[in-house]
Amino acid sequence: MQWRRAFIGVISGRAAALSQNALPLFRHRGVCDGVRSCVTMKALAASLVGVGSVAPDQTLTNEDLSTFINTSDEWISQRTGISRRKVLRADEKLSSLATSAGADALAAAAVDPGSVDLVILATSSPDDLFGDATTVATGVGADQAVAFDLTAACSGFLFALVTASQFLETGCYETALVIGADALSRWVNWSDRNTCVLFGDGAGAVVLKRNNATPGILGFALQSDGKDQHKLTLSYAGSSQHLDISTKPDGASVSNGSYAPIEMNGKDVYKFATREVPVVIEAALEKAGLHVDDVDWLLLHQANIRIMEAVADRIGIPSSKILTNLDEYGNTSAASIPLALHHAVKTGKVVPGHIVACAGFGAGLSSGAAIMRWDGAA
């Protein structure tokens, strides 16, 4: 492994540069413009140069769901904007989706997989609880990359994007692959129409290249509030097992691992998103030195069309600037933002130089925004 790919404090004599230049990037952690987070004071030297995505070929339409639960196409589409979703089959792997999306993004960026220094996989539903990032990195041919998973649910891709950009900004790495992938169809109660109609599976990825001349992450803001964590959960629900131990008269109790299906207070999550997402977007725009009128496109986590419309209205962006493919894919959690970005690039909506205000939100509860300039091919 090349030494530049080891995350160490001194890289090619950069110790002095890091100590002198990295600290001014940040304000102290605290309340900053209503956002409790670490917020950039200048753009990050990370250009978005490629995007890719993939989804399972198995489709469940609203009509399909109405055959086994008490719902209808009208009920789902009017409340969510979702018409269908893609779901993995029982023998299919999330890591395979993530690998395909990553390879797609690398090909679009014309980047040699062997030159990738960092792979971050944002997911809450890996095949392996220890993480899938290393499997994905090997699968795309990034054999020398540092790879790890990042879990932040539906905010995961946005958080991973900012994390990778920081590594590029410091000069530790030159090229990063950021993937958002989730298979929450594995974790819904298929008799609960309030949750099972929402989620689909998929993966999306972007390639970042270090670029001081034309930075691509112009500003960002992140926040979280654990007081409302219980509003959206996928909780541990292991069963107990008694162990008969000769050295302990009462034996011992242990737990056999399992998780309960997703539970969500939809009304409260809606209120959270429509209240907090405008705040983080406005904070990110301020850090970028931009006004809402400078934004070409609004790209939000694809959870609910009513949330997207409400956020756009509150920050003063016309609905015609909303990027969405929610109707075709449903809520794909960490995959939703890169899936929608890939669709927008493929269809010619997003072109080089466009400014995209991007925001994720969800379990935690957490939210984050990044103001991005698209530098990839049209």
Foldseek 3Di string as FASTA:
>chain_A
DDPLLDDDCADPNCNVVCVPPVVVQWDPQQQDLNFRFTKGLFFFQKAWAFKFKDAAPDKDFQCNLVVPEPDHQCRLCVWFVAGMAGADDPPDAQLVQQLVQQLRRCVLNVHDLCQAAEEEEEEDAHPDPQASFQVSSVSNPNPNYDTDYDYDWLQRQVVQVVVVSSCLRSVSGFKYKYKYWYRLCVFADSHDPVPNSFAHTIMMMTMIGRHPVDGFFLIKGKHFDQVCLVQKDFAWDWDKDFADDPVDPRGDIDTDTDTHGIDHPVVVQLVCLLPCQLSGLVVRCVSSVHAPVLAQAEFEQSGGVVSVCSSCVVRVHDPVRYQDPCHYHGGNIRRRRSVSVVVCVVVPNQAAQHWYWYKTADRSRIIMITTGGHHYHD
